């Protein structure tokens, strides 16, 4: 296996991933924002890897039973749910994402309360010029990619909400050993080699399936798809009646998933296998919600990392994305 192709040492980023929870809280510990009353909702503006923390935050707030409505904008404008009492988070790791900058300017024009999150770039510049609170990511990795800042950003966003008194502080950090899942990730990569990966989960854990899909796209540079139970049982599964391509299906099965969803997963796996499709049911492991999420994130990281190595791809760069950005200028 040619590890030399991993020129930016993404493997070390994955090994260190569990440390993000503590670091993320540090980034935002001094961020304060004054609001006359609690926000009616939270609007998170971000693209690609900078939008993924929003999915994580929504799931976390649901888990701790906080009823703050959260909407994610992956567009050039704020969503229709935006009101004069919305709190806006501007999320762009590079600080130069054009869609997110457009949302930032619109939020400024509407005089909405804003917190900006970035490593640097135009987001930081505009925040300073307009005296907007800015959470600055300080990450010391070569060619660090936004898709690996999910936990940094989610915890930083939650810290801002905690400072406002509308979320709970993360006090117990899960003890996760990233290396313990590496061999399992290698095994999954071998199963998926030369196939199209599809990731399924319950709606509760759908953001995990979505994150796996994105990591496979960007690390392994191959197509991948995701969906959730029970909805996929009513439509998507029919498309596998006579599959024209080679697929590998990963089902992320949580112990708290509804018993009927767990049964659907098992039966769907049998039906797919009968049609020659590789299926792996993966138990979501952990005691706390954060343990479950981090363990599953990291397993997906190893899967996508070793798929990249198997395919002779440097897992870090996203050349097509950068090429498109140049053409858009």
C-alpha atoms as a PDB file:
ATOM      1  CA  UNK A   1       0.000   0.000   0.000  1.00  0.00           C
ATOM      2  CA  UNK A   2       1.510   3.318  -1.096  1.00  0.00           C
ATOM      3  CA  UNK A   3       1.229   5.619   1.939  1.00  0.00           C
ATOM      4  CA  UNK A   4       3.662   8.058   0.310  1.00  0.00           C
ATOM      5  CA  UNK A   5       0.773   9.290  -1.828  1.00  0.00           C
ATOM      6  CA  UNK A   6      -0.706  10.880   1.325  1.00  0.00           C
ATOM      7  CA  UNK A   7       1.443  13.984   0.880  1.00  0.00           C
ATOM      8  CA  UNK A   8      -0.312  16.096   3.525  1.00  0.00           C
ATOM      9  CA  UNK A   9      -0.371  13.311   6.132  1.00  0.00           C
ATOM     10  CA  UNK A  10      -4.151  13.134   6.400  1.00  0.00           C
ATOM     11  CA  UNK A  11      -3.674   9.967   8.430  1.00  0.00           C
ATOM     12  CA  UNK A  12      -2.378  12.064  11.340  1.00  0.00           C
ATOM     13  CA  UNK A  13      -5.372  14.392  11.086  1.00  0.00           C
ATOM     14  CA  UNK A  14      -7.662  11.374  11.486  1.00  0.00           C
ATOM     15  CA  UNK A  15      -5.646  10.045  14.424  1.00  0.00           C
ATOM     16  CA  UNK A  16      -5.897  13.442  16.156  1.00  0.00           C
ATOM     17  CA  UNK A  17      -9.579  13.951  15.330  1.00  0.00           C
ATOM     18  CA  UNK A  18     -10.939  13.234  18.857  1.00  0.00           C
ATOM     19  CA  UNK A  19      -9.003  16.247  20.194  1.00  0.00           C
ATOM     20  CA  UNK A  20     -11.286  18.592  18.261  1.00  0.00           C
ATOM     21  CA  UNK A  21     -13.991  18.731  20.930  1.00  0.00           C
ATOM     22  CA  UNK A  22     -11.806  20.458  23.491  1.00  0.00           C
ATOM     23  CA  UNK A  23     -10.100  22.706  20.942  1.00  0.00           C
ATOM     24  CA  UNK A  24     -13.407  23.837  19.433  1.00  0.00           C
ATOM     25  CA  UNK A  25     -14.663  25.098  22.785  1.00  0.00           C
ATOM     26  CA  UNK A  26     -11.401  27.013  23.294  1.00  0.00           C
ATOM     27  CA  UNK A  27     -11.799  28.801  19.953  1.00  0.00           C
ATOM     28  CA  UNK A  28     -15.138  30.285  21.031  1.00  0.00           C
ATOM     29  CA  UNK A  29     -14.762  30.620  24.811  1.00  0.00           C
ATOM     30  CA  UNK A  30     -14.653  34.436  24.778  1.00  0.00           C
ATOM     31  CA  UNK A  31     -17.283  35.025  22.090  1.00  0.00           C
ATOM     32  CA  UNK A  32     -20.195  37.073  23.352  1.00  0.00           C
ATOM     33  CA  UNK A  33     -23.115  38.524  21.441  1.00  0.00           C
ATOM     34  CA  UNK A  34     -25.807  40.783  22.830  1.00  0.00           C
ATOM     35  CA  UNK A  35     -29.431  40.097  21.898  1.00  0.00           C
ATOM     36  CA  UNK A  36     -32.469  41.819  23.392  1.00  0.00           C
ATOM     37  CA  UNK A  37     -34.261  38.474  23.528  1.00  0.00           C
ATOM     38  CA  UNK A  38     -33.476  34.890  22.702  1.00  0.00           C
ATOM     39  CA  UNK A  39     -33.326  34.206  18.960  1.00  0.00           C
ATOM     40  CA  UNK A  40     -36.391  32.868  17.196  1.00  0.00           C
ATOM     41  CA  UNK A  41     -34.124  30.556  15.215  1.00  0.00           C
ATOM     42  CA  UNK A  42     -30.560  29.976  14.117  1.00  0.00           C
ATOM     43  CA  UNK A  43     -29.466  30.346  10.511  1.00  0.00           C
ATOM     44  CA  UNK A  44     -26.182  28.644   9.572  1.00  0.00           C
ATOM     45  CA  UNK A  45     -24.693  29.724   6.251  1.00  0.00           C
ATOM     46  CA  UNK A  46     -21.990  27.479   4.840  1.00  0.00           C
ATOM     47  CA  UNK A  47     -21.017  25.275   1.928  1.00  0.00           C
ATOM     48  CA  UNK A  48     -19.401  21.846   1.669  1.00  0.00           C
ATOM     49  CA  UNK A  49     -17.430  20.883   4.766  1.00  0.00           C
ATOM     50  CA  UNK A  50     -18.345  24.186   6.411  1.00  0.00           C
ATOM     51  CA  UNK A  51     -22.037  23.232   6.342  1.00  0.00           C
ATOM     52  CA  UNK A  52     -21.534  19.814   7.958  1.00  0.00           C
ATOM     53  CA  UNK A  53     -21.104  21.260  11.489  1.00  0.00           C
ATOM     54  CA  UNK A  54     -24.665  22.558  11.157  1.00  0.00           C
ATOM     55  CA  UNK A  55     -26.016  19.040  10.622  1.00  0.00           C
ATOM     56  CA  UNK A  56     -24.049  17.845  13.657  1.00  0.00           C
ATOM     57  CA  UNK A  57     -25.299  20.763  15.778  1.00  0.00           C
ATOM     58  CA  UNK A  58     -28.926  20.115  14.814  1.00  0.00           C
ATOM     59  CA  UNK A  59     -28.575  16.474  15.863  1.00  0.00           C
ATOM     60  CA  UNK A  60     -26.901  17.442  19.147  1.00  0.00           C
ATOM     61  CA  UNK A  61     -29.553  20.032  20.045  1.00  0.00           C
ATOM     62  CA  UNK A  62     -32.237  17.449  19.302  1.00  0.00           C
ATOM     63  CA  UNK A  63     -30.428  14.922  21.517  1.00  0.00           C
ATOM     64  CA  UNK A  64     -30.271  17.324  24.498  1.00  0.00           C
ATOM     65  CA  UNK A  65     -33.861  18.418  23.815  1.00  0.00           C
ATOM     66  CA  UNK A  66     -33.206  22.069  22.997  1.00  0.00           C
ATOM     67  CA  UNK A  67     -36.019  23.465  20.875  1.00  0.00           C
ATOM     68  CA  UNK A  68     -34.087  26.064  18.908  1.00  0.00           C
ATOM     69  CA  UNK A  69     -35.074  25.782  15.216  1.00  0.00           C
ATOM     70  CA  UNK A  70     -31.964  25.608  13.025  1.00  0.00           C
ATOM     71  CA  UNK A  71     -31.889  26.159   9.261  1.00  0.00           C
ATOM     72  CA  UNK A  72     -28.886  25.695   6.988  1.00  0.00           C
ATOM     73  CA  UNK A  73     -28.365  27.846   3.911  1.00  0.00           C
ATOM     74  CA  UNK A  74     -26.158  26.389   1.188  1.00  0.00           C
ATOM     75  CA  UNK A  75     -26.957  29.147  -1.270  1.00  0.00           C
ATOM     76  CA  UNK A  76     -26.289  32.807  -2.106  1.00  0.00           C
ATOM     77  CA  UNK A  77     -29.060  34.115   0.141  1.00  0.00           C
ATOM     78  CA  UNK A  78     -30.560  33.680   3.573  1.00  0.00           C
ATOM     79  CA  UNK A  79     -33.420  31.146   3.757  1.00  0.00           C
ATOM     80  CA  UNK A  80     -37.078  32.225   3.915  1.00  0.00           C
ATOM     81  CA  UNK A  81     -37.213  31.252   7.618  1.00  0.00           C
ATOM     82  CA  UNK A  82     -34.977  34.243   8.427  1.00  0.00           C
ATOM     83  CA  UNK A  83     -36.669  36.836  10.656  1.00  0.00           C
ATOM     84  CA  UNK A  84     -35.516  40.055  12.302  1.00  0.00           C
ATOM     85  CA  UNK A  85     -34.830  38.004  15.443  1.00  0.00           C
ATOM     86  CA  UNK A  86     -32.769  35.284  13.738  1.00  0.00           C
ATOM     87  CA  UNK A  87     -29.226  34.613  14.894  1.00  0.00           C
ATOM     88  CA  UNK A  88     -26.905  34.056  11.918  1.00  0.00           C
ATOM     89  CA  UNK A  89     -23.756  31.940  11.938  1.00  0.00           C
ATOM     90  CA  UNK A  90     -21.443  32.539   8.968  1.00  0.00           C
ATOM     91  CA  UNK A  91     -19.365  29.388   8.459  1.00  0.00           C
ATOM     92  CA  UNK A  92     -16.500  29.281   5.964  1.00  0.00           C
ATOM     93  CA  UNK A  93     -13.258  27.588   6.920  1.00  0.00           C
ATOM     94  CA  UNK A  94     -11.257  29.416   4.245  1.00  0.00           C
ATOM     95  CA  UNK A  95     -13.234  32.594   4.772  1.00  0.00           C
ATOM     96  CA  UNK A  96     -13.575  33.060   1.020  1.00  0.00           C
ATOM     97  CA  UNK A  97     -16.606  30.966   0.041  1.00  0.00           C
ATOM     98  CA  UNK A  98     -18.584  33.192  -2.334  1.00  0.00           C
ATOM     99  CA  UNK A  99     -22.050  31.844  -1.460  1.00  0.00           C
ATOM    100  CA  UNK A 100     -21.390  32.308   2.261  1.00  0.00           C
ATOM    101  CA  UNK A 101     -19.981  35.801   1.736  1.00  0.00           C
ATOM    102  CA  UNK A 102     -23.182  36.747  -0.111  1.00  0.00           C
ATOM    103  CA  UNK A 103     -25.216  35.571   2.891  1.00  0.00           C
ATOM    104  CA  UNK A 104     -22.890  37.512   5.212  1.00  0.00           C
ATOM    105  CA  UNK A 105     -23.485  40.739   3.282  1.00  0.00           C
ATOM    106  CA  UNK A 106     -27.253  40.163   3.268  1.00  0.00           C
ATOM    107  CA  UNK A 107     -27.279  39.559   7.036  1.00  0.00           C
ATOM    108  CA  UNK A 108     -25.295  42.778   7.543  1.00  0.00           C
ATOM    109  CA  UNK A 109     -27.747  44.731   5.373  1.00  0.00           C
ATOM    110  CA  UNK A 110     -30.628  43.375   7.453  1.00  0.00           C
ATOM    111  CA  UNK A 111     -28.778  44.275  10.663  1.00  0.00           C
ATOM    112  CA  UNK A 112     -29.140  40.762  12.046  1.00  0.00           C
ATOM    113  CA  UNK A 113     -27.069  39.461  14.973  1.00  0.00           C
ATOM    114  CA  UNK A 114     -24.129  37.562  13.461  1.00  0.00           C
ATOM    115  CA  UNK A 115     -21.235  35.396  14.581  1.00  0.00           C
ATOM    116  CA  UNK A 116     -18.580  34.547  11.981  1.00  0.00           C
ATOM    117  CA  UNK A 117     -16.486  31.371  11.922  1.00  0.00           C
ATOM    118  CA  UNK A 118     -13.368  31.039   9.743  1.00  0.00           C
ATOM    119  CA  UNK A 119      -9.642  30.401   9.704  1.00  0.00           C
ATOM    120  CA  UNK A 120      -9.012  33.737   7.949  1.00  0.00           C
ATOM    121  CA  UNK A 121     -10.041  35.248   4.595  1.00  0.00           C
ATOM    122  CA  UNK A 122     -12.758  37.740   3.699  1.00  0.00           C
ATOM    123  CA  UNK A 123     -15.021  36.494   6.479  1.00  0.00           C
ATOM    124  CA  UNK A 124     -12.494  37.551   9.102  1.00  0.00           C
ATOM    125  CA  UNK A 125     -11.857  40.869   7.319  1.00  0.00           C
ATOM    126  CA  UNK A 126     -15.567  41.749   7.028  1.00  0.00           C
ATOM    127  CA  UNK A 127     -16.178  40.704  10.632  1.00  0.00           C
ATOM    128  CA  UNK A 128     -13.423  43.012  11.891  1.00  0.00           C
ATOM    129  CA  UNK A 129     -14.607  45.926   9.744  1.00  0.00           C
ATOM    130  CA  UNK A 130     -18.152  45.586  11.084  1.00  0.00           C
ATOM    131  CA  UNK A 131     -17.247  44.630  14.673  1.00  0.00           C
ATOM    132  CA  UNK A 132     -18.858  41.231  14.310  1.00  0.00           C
ATOM    133  CA  UNK A 133     -17.766  38.494  16.762  1.00  0.00           C
ATOM    134  CA  UNK A 134     -15.376  36.183  14.944  1.00  0.00           C
ATOM    135  CA  UNK A 135     -14.387  32.630  15.936  1.00  0.00           C
ATOM    136  CA  UNK A 136     -10.928  32.093  14.478  1.00  0.00           C
ATOM    137  CA  UNK A 137      -9.797  28.532  13.858  1.00  0.00           C
ATOM    138  CA  UNK A 138      -6.133  27.993  14.731  1.00  0.00           C
ATOM    139  CA  UNK A 139      -5.197  24.629  13.252  1.00  0.00           C
ATOM    140  CA  UNK A 140      -1.632  23.541  12.598  1.00  0.00           C
ATOM    141  CA  UNK A 141      -1.875  20.994   9.806  1.00  0.00           C
ATOM    142  CA  UNK A 142      -0.525  21.167   6.281  1.00  0.00           C
ATOM    143  CA  UNK A 143      -3.284  21.739   3.675  1.00  0.00           C
ATOM    144  CA  UNK A 144      -6.042  21.253   6.251  1.00  0.00           C
ATOM    145  CA  UNK A 145      -9.446  20.722   4.626  1.00  0.00           C
ATOM    146  CA  UNK A 146     -12.835  22.070   5.840  1.00  0.00           C
ATOM    147  CA  UNK A 147     -14.351  18.583   5.873  1.00  0.00           C
ATOM    148  CA  UNK A 148     -12.064  17.816   8.811  1.00  0.00           C
ATOM    149  CA  UNK A 149     -13.160  20.833  10.874  1.00  0.00           C
ATOM    150  CA  UNK A 150     -16.647  19.455  11.571  1.00  0.00           C
ATOM    151  CA  UNK A 151     -16.164  18.873  15.297  1.00  0.00           C
ATOM    152  CA  UNK A 152     -14.053  22.003  15.808  1.00  0.00           C
ATOM    153  CA  UNK A 153     -16.823  24.095  14.294  1.00  0.00           C
ATOM    154  CA  UNK A 154     -19.791  22.285  15.851  1.00  0.00           C
ATOM    155  CA  UNK A 155     -18.370  22.611  19.371  1.00  0.00           C
ATOM    156  CA  UNK A 156     -17.451  26.245  18.739  1.00  0.00           C
ATOM    157  CA  UNK A 157     -20.991  26.951  17.532  1.00  0.00           C
ATOM    158  CA  UNK A 158     -22.455  25.179  20.551  1.00  0.00           C
ATOM    159  CA  UNK A 159     -20.151  27.196  22.835  1.00  0.00           C
ATOM    160  CA  UNK A 160     -21.559  30.430  21.398  1.00  0.00           C
ATOM    161  CA  UNK A 161     -25.084  29.148  22.066  1.00  0.00           C
ATOM    162  CA  UNK A 162     -24.024  28.121  25.569  1.00  0.00           C
ATOM    163  CA  UNK A 163     -22.671  31.623  26.195  1.00  0.00           C
ATOM    164  CA  UNK A 164     -26.130  32.890  25.199  1.00  0.00           C
ATOM    165  CA  UNK A 165     -27.772  30.465  27.632  1.00  0.00           C
ATOM    166  CA  UNK A 166     -29.626  28.485  24.976  1.00  0.00           C
ATOM    167  CA  UNK A 167     -27.598  25.269  24.881  1.00  0.00           C
ATOM    168  CA  UNK A 168     -25.703  23.029  27.292  1.00  0.00           C
ATOM    169  CA  UNK A 169     -21.951  23.146  27.740  1.00  0.00           C
ATOM    170  CA  UNK A 170     -20.185  19.960  26.704  1.00  0.00           C
ATOM    171  CA  UNK A 171     -18.615  18.959  30.015  1.00  0.00           C
ATOM    172  CA  UNK A 172     -17.770  15.275  29.573  1.00  0.00           C
ATOM    173  CA  UNK A 173     -15.476  14.668  26.622  1.00  0.00           C
ATOM    174  CA  UNK A 174     -15.625  11.138  25.214  1.00  0.00           C
ATOM    175  CA  UNK A 175     -12.423   9.100  25.231  1.00  0.00           C
ATOM    176  CA  UNK A 176     -11.994   7.957  21.650  1.00  0.00           C
ATOM    177  CA  UNK A 177      -9.057   5.985  20.271  1.00  0.00           C
ATOM    178  CA  UNK A 178      -8.976   6.689  16.548  1.00  0.00           C
ATOM    179  CA  UNK A 179      -6.369   4.007  15.875  1.00  0.00           C
ATOM    180  CA  UNK A 180      -8.631   1.290  17.277  1.00  0.00           C
ATOM    181  CA  UNK A 181     -10.943   1.560  14.261  1.00  0.00           C
ATOM    182  CA  UNK A 182      -8.253   1.840  11.592  1.00  0.00           C
ATOM    183  CA  UNK A 183      -8.137  -1.867  10.691  1.00  0.00           C
ATOM    184  CA  UNK A 184     -11.928  -2.020  10.413  1.00  0.00           C
ATOM    185  CA  UNK A 185     -11.802   0.944   8.052  1.00  0.00           C
ATOM    186  CA  UNK A 186      -9.222  -0.876   5.922  1.00  0.00           C
ATOM    187  CA  UNK A 187     -11.526  -3.898   5.749  1.00  0.00           C
ATOM    188  CA  UNK A 188     -14.474  -1.748   4.645  1.00  0.00           C
ATOM    189  CA  UNK A 189     -12.306  -0.060   2.004  1.00  0.00           C
ATOM    190  CA  UNK A 190     -11.384  -3.437   0.530  1.00  0.00           C
ATOM    191  CA  UNK A 191     -15.087  -4.332   0.340  1.00  0.00           C
ATOM    192  CA  UNK A 192     -15.874  -1.069  -1.448  1.00  0.00           C
ATOM    193  CA  UNK A 193     -12.970  -1.084  -3.896  1.00  0.00           C
ATOM    194  CA  UNK A 194     -14.136  -0.849  -7.525  1.00  0.00           C
ATOM    195  CA  UNK A 195     -17.737  -0.409  -6.350  1.00  0.00           C
ATOM    196  CA  UNK A 196     -20.066   2.551  -5.815  1.00  0.00           C
ATOM    197  CA  UNK A 197     -20.546   3.048  -2.047  1.00  0.00           C
ATOM    198  CA  UNK A 198     -24.026   3.762  -0.694  1.00  0.00           C
ATOM    199  CA  UNK A 199     -24.533   4.704   2.949  1.00  0.00           C
ATOM    200  CA  UNK A 200     -27.808   4.251   4.802  1.00  0.00           C
ATOM    201  CA  UNK A 201     -28.877   5.211   8.327  1.00  0.00           C
ATOM    202  CA  UNK A 202     -32.001   6.101  10.249  1.00  0.00           C
ATOM    203  CA  UNK A 203     -33.234   9.682  10.024  1.00  0.00           C
ATOM    204  CA  UNK A 204     -31.750  10.271  13.503  1.00  0.00           C
ATOM    205  CA  UNK A 205     -28.278   9.383  12.222  1.00  0.00           C
ATOM    206  CA  UNK A 206     -28.733  10.544   8.647  1.00  0.00           C
ATOM    207  CA  UNK A 207     -26.106  13.277   9.091  1.00  0.00           C
ATOM    208  CA  UNK A 208     -23.540  10.511   9.696  1.00  0.00           C
ATOM    209  CA  UNK A 209     -24.436   8.823   6.407  1.00  0.00           C
ATOM    210  CA  UNK A 210     -24.232  12.183   4.627  1.00  0.00           C
ATOM    211  CA  UNK A 211     -20.801  12.864   6.136  1.00  0.00           C
ATOM    212  CA  UNK A 212     -19.496   9.447   5.055  1.00  0.00           C
ATOM    213  CA  UNK A 213     -20.715  10.138   1.528  1.00  0.00           C
ATOM    214  CA  UNK A 214     -18.921  13.485   1.408  1.00  0.00           C
ATOM    215  CA  UNK A 215     -15.669  12.093   2.841  1.00  0.00           C
ATOM    216  CA  UNK A 216     -15.707   9.305   0.223  1.00  0.00           C
ATOM    217  CA  UNK A 217     -16.314  11.850  -2.554  1.00  0.00           C
ATOM    218  CA  UNK A 218     -13.506  14.147  -1.449  1.00  0.00           C
ATOM    219  CA  UNK A 219     -10.949  11.666  -0.110  1.00  0.00           C
ATOM    220  CA  UNK A 220     -11.355   8.702  -2.481  1.00  0.00           C
ATOM    221  CA  UNK A 221     -12.507  10.851  -5.438  1.00  0.00           C
ATOM    222  CA  UNK A 222     -15.341   8.475  -6.374  1.00  0.00           C
ATOM    223  CA  UNK A 223     -19.142   8.824  -6.486  1.00  0.00           C
ATOM    224  CA  UNK A 224     -21.060   7.810  -3.371  1.00  0.00           C
ATOM    225  CA  UNK A 225     -24.667   8.237  -2.245  1.00  0.00           C
ATOM    226  CA  UNK A 226     -26.667   8.283   0.993  1.00  0.00           C
ATOM    227  CA  UNK A 227     -30.251   7.963   2.169  1.00  0.00           C
ATOM    228  CA  UNK A 228     -32.288   7.279   5.311  1.00  0.00           C
ATOM    229  CA  UNK A 229     -34.738   4.724   6.612  1.00  0.00           C
ATOM    230  CA  UNK A 230     -37.683   4.398   6.491  1.00  0.00           C
ATOM    231  CA  UNK A 231     -38.069   6.705   3.460  1.00  0.00           C
ATOM    232  CA  UNK A 232     -35.736   4.728   1.174  1.00  0.00           C
ATOM    233  CA  UNK A 233     -37.855   1.604   1.721  1.00  0.00           C
ATOM    234  CA  UNK A 234     -40.647   3.254  -0.260  1.00  0.00           C
ATOM    235  CA  UNK A 235     -38.685   4.197  -3.380  1.00  0.00           C
ATOM    236  CA  UNK A 236     -34.887   3.940  -3.651  1.00  0.00           C
ATOM    237  CA  UNK A 237     -34.650   0.243  -2.871  1.00  0.00           C
ATOM    238  CA  UNK A 238     -36.695  -0.541  -6.004  1.00  0.00           C
ATOM    239  CA  UNK A 239     -33.811   0.759  -8.123  1.00  0.00           C
ATOM    240  CA  UNK A 240     -31.749  -2.229  -6.996  1.00  0.00           C
ATOM    241  CA  UNK A 241     -34.132  -4.803  -8.482  1.00  0.00           C
ATOM    242  CA  UNK A 242     -31.629  -5.462 -11.275  1.00  0.00           C
ATOM    243  CA  UNK A 243     -28.593  -3.335 -10.415  1.00  0.00           C
ATOM    244  CA  UNK A 244     -26.593  -2.346 -13.540  1.00  0.00           C
ATOM    245  CA  UNK A 245     -23.485  -1.410 -11.542  1.00  0.00           C
ATOM    246  CA  UNK A 246     -21.412  -2.847  -8.712  1.00  0.00           C
ATOM    247  CA  UNK A 247     -22.455  -1.389  -5.359  1.00  0.00           C
ATOM    248  CA  UNK A 248     -21.345  -1.688  -1.755  1.00  0.00           C
ATOM    249  CA  UNK A 249     -23.956  -0.697   0.841  1.00  0.00           C
ATOM    250  CA  UNK A 250     -23.015   0.354   4.371  1.00  0.00           C
ATOM    251  CA  UNK A 251     -25.888   0.510   6.876  1.00  0.00           C
ATOM    252  CA  UNK A 252     -25.197   2.518  10.042  1.00  0.00           C
ATOM    253  CA  UNK A 253     -27.367   0.895  12.702  1.00  0.00           C
ATOM    254  CA  UNK A 254     -27.899   2.652  16.023  1.00  0.00           C
ATOM    255  CA  UNK A 255     -28.999   0.892  19.208  1.00  0.00           C
ATOM    256  CA  UNK A 256     -31.591   3.639  19.763  1.00  0.00           C
ATOM    257  CA  UNK A 257     -33.079   3.309  16.297  1.00  0.00           C
ATOM    258  CA  UNK A 258     -36.767   2.357  16.253  1.00  0.00           C
ATOM    259  CA  UNK A 259     -37.153  -1.458  16.328  1.00  0.00           C
ATOM    260  CA  UNK A 260     -39.051  -1.364  13.024  1.00  0.00           C
ATOM    261  CA  UNK A 261     -36.202   0.568  11.397  1.00  0.00           C
ATOM    262  CA  UNK A 262     -33.703  -1.985  12.681  1.00  0.00           C
ATOM    263  CA  UNK A 263     -35.865  -4.728  11.189  1.00  0.00           C
ATOM    264  CA  UNK A 264     -36.083  -2.839   7.885  1.00  0.00           C
ATOM    265  CA  UNK A 265     -32.281  -2.622   7.787  1.00  0.00           C
ATOM    266  CA  UNK A 266     -31.860  -6.360   8.335  1.00  0.00           C
ATOM    267  CA  UNK A 267     -34.488  -7.299   5.768  1.00  0.00           C
ATOM    268  CA  UNK A 268     -33.223  -4.784   3.202  1.00  0.00           C
ATOM    269  CA  UNK A 269     -29.711  -6.152   3.634  1.00  0.00           C
ATOM    270  CA  UNK A 270     -31.000  -9.670   2.877  1.00  0.00           C
ATOM    271  CA  UNK A 271     -32.917  -8.476  -0.197  1.00  0.00           C
ATOM    272  CA  UNK A 272     -29.869  -6.641  -1.549  1.00  0.00           C
ATOM    273  CA  UNK A 273     -27.566  -9.587  -0.923  1.00  0.00           C
ATOM    274  CA  UNK A 274     -29.994 -11.823  -2.824  1.00  0.00           C
ATOM    275  CA  UNK A 275     -29.352  -9.525  -5.799  1.00  0.00           C
ATOM    276  CA  UNK A 276     -25.579  -9.768  -5.535  1.00  0.00           C
ATOM    277  CA  UNK A 277     -24.988  -6.491  -3.700  1.00  0.00           C
ATOM    278  CA  UNK A 278     -22.296  -6.296  -1.019  1.00  0.00           C
ATOM    279  CA  UNK A 279     -23.837  -5.135   2.287  1.00  0.00           C
ATOM    280  CA  UNK A 280     -22.162  -4.395   5.623  1.00  0.00           C
ATOM    281  CA  UNK A 281     -24.281  -3.544   8.669  1.00  0.00           C
ATOM    282  CA  UNK A 282     -22.209  -1.339  10.980  1.00  0.00           C
ATOM    283  CA  UNK A 283     -23.191  -0.951  14.619  1.00  0.00           C
ATOM    284  CA  UNK A 284     -22.973   2.639  15.850  1.00  0.00           C
ATOM    285  CA  UNK A 285     -20.940   2.198  19.044  1.00  0.00           C
ATOM    286  CA  UNK A 286     -20.611   4.376  22.109  1.00  0.00           C
ATOM    287  CA  UNK A 287     -22.279   5.204  25.407  1.00  0.00           C
ATOM    288  CA  UNK A 288     -22.987   8.922  24.924  1.00  0.00           C
ATOM    289  CA  UNK A 289     -24.292  10.620  21.808  1.00  0.00           C
ATOM    290  CA  UNK A 290     -20.914  12.275  21.188  1.00  0.00           C
ATOM    291  CA  UNK A 291     -19.112   8.944  21.487  1.00  0.00           C
ATOM    292  CA  UNK A 292     -21.452   7.429  18.920  1.00  0.00           C
ATOM    293  CA  UNK A 293     -20.907  10.330  16.530  1.00  0.00           C
ATOM    294  CA  UNK A 294     -17.120  10.497  16.853  1.00  0.00           C
ATOM    295  CA  UNK A 295     -16.655   6.733  16.600  1.00  0.00           C
ATOM    296  CA  UNK A 296     -18.742   6.678  13.423  1.00  0.00           C
ATOM    297  CA  UNK A 297     -17.121   9.775  11.932  1.00  0.00           C
ATOM    298  CA  UNK A 298     -13.675   8.269  12.424  1.00  0.00           C
ATOM    299  CA  UNK A 299     -14.633   4.900  10.964  1.00  0.00           C
ATOM    300  CA  UNK A 300     -15.909   6.714   7.867  1.00  0.00           C
ATOM    301  CA  UNK A 301     -12.667   8.668   7.749  1.00  0.00           C
ATOM    302  CA  UNK A 302     -10.604   5.471   7.718  1.00  0.00           C
ATOM    303  CA  UNK A 303     -12.860   3.899   5.091  1.00  0.00           C
ATOM    304  CA  UNK A 304     -12.545   6.906   2.781  1.00  0.00           C
ATOM    305  CA  UNK A 305      -8.818   7.270   3.516  1.00  0.00           C
ATOM    306  CA  UNK A 306      -7.989   3.675   2.601  1.00  0.00           C
ATOM    307  CA  UNK A 307     -10.260   3.799  -0.441  1.00  0.00           C
ATOM    308  CA  UNK A 308      -8.119   6.719  -1.596  1.00  0.00           C
ATOM    309  CA  UNK A 309      -4.894   4.797  -0.974  1.00  0.00           C
ATOM    310  CA  UNK A 310      -6.318   1.699  -2.718  1.00  0.00           C
ATOM    311  CA  UNK A 311      -7.248   3.887  -5.699  1.00  0.00           C
ATOM    312  CA  UNK A 312      -3.841   5.604  -5.858  1.00  0.00           C
ATOM    313  CA  UNK A 313      -5.288   8.990  -4.846  1.00  0.00           C
ATOM    314  CA  UNK A 314      -3.808  11.596  -2.533  1.00  0.00           C
ATOM    315  CA  UNK A 315      -6.787  11.914  -0.146  1.00  0.00           C
ATOM    316  CA  UNK A 316      -6.334  15.589   0.754  1.00  0.00           C
ATOM    317  CA  UNK A 317      -6.640  17.828  -2.367  1.00  0.00           C
ATOM    318  CA  UNK A 318      -9.940  18.522  -4.133  1.00  0.00           C
ATOM    319  CA  UNK A 319      -8.573  19.644  -7.486  1.00  0.00           C
ATOM    320  CA  UNK A 320     -11.884  19.776  -9.365  1.00  0.00           C
ATOM    321  CA  UNK A 321     -13.341  22.121  -6.749  1.00  0.00           C
ATOM    322  CA  UNK A 322     -10.324  24.415  -7.011  1.00  0.00           C
ATOM    323  CA  UNK A 323     -10.462  24.304 -10.822  1.00  0.00           C
ATOM    324  CA  UNK A 324     -14.107  25.367 -10.758  1.00  0.00           C
ATOM    325  CA  UNK A 325     -13.340  28.225  -8.368  1.00  0.00           C
ATOM    326  CA  UNK A 326     -10.717  29.548 -10.785  1.00  0.00           C
ATOM    327  CA  UNK A 327     -13.164  29.403 -13.684  1.00  0.00           C
ATOM    328  CA  UNK A 328     -15.787  31.274 -11.643  1.00  0.00           C
ATOM    329  CA  UNK A 329     -13.491  34.254 -11.065  1.00  0.00           C
END
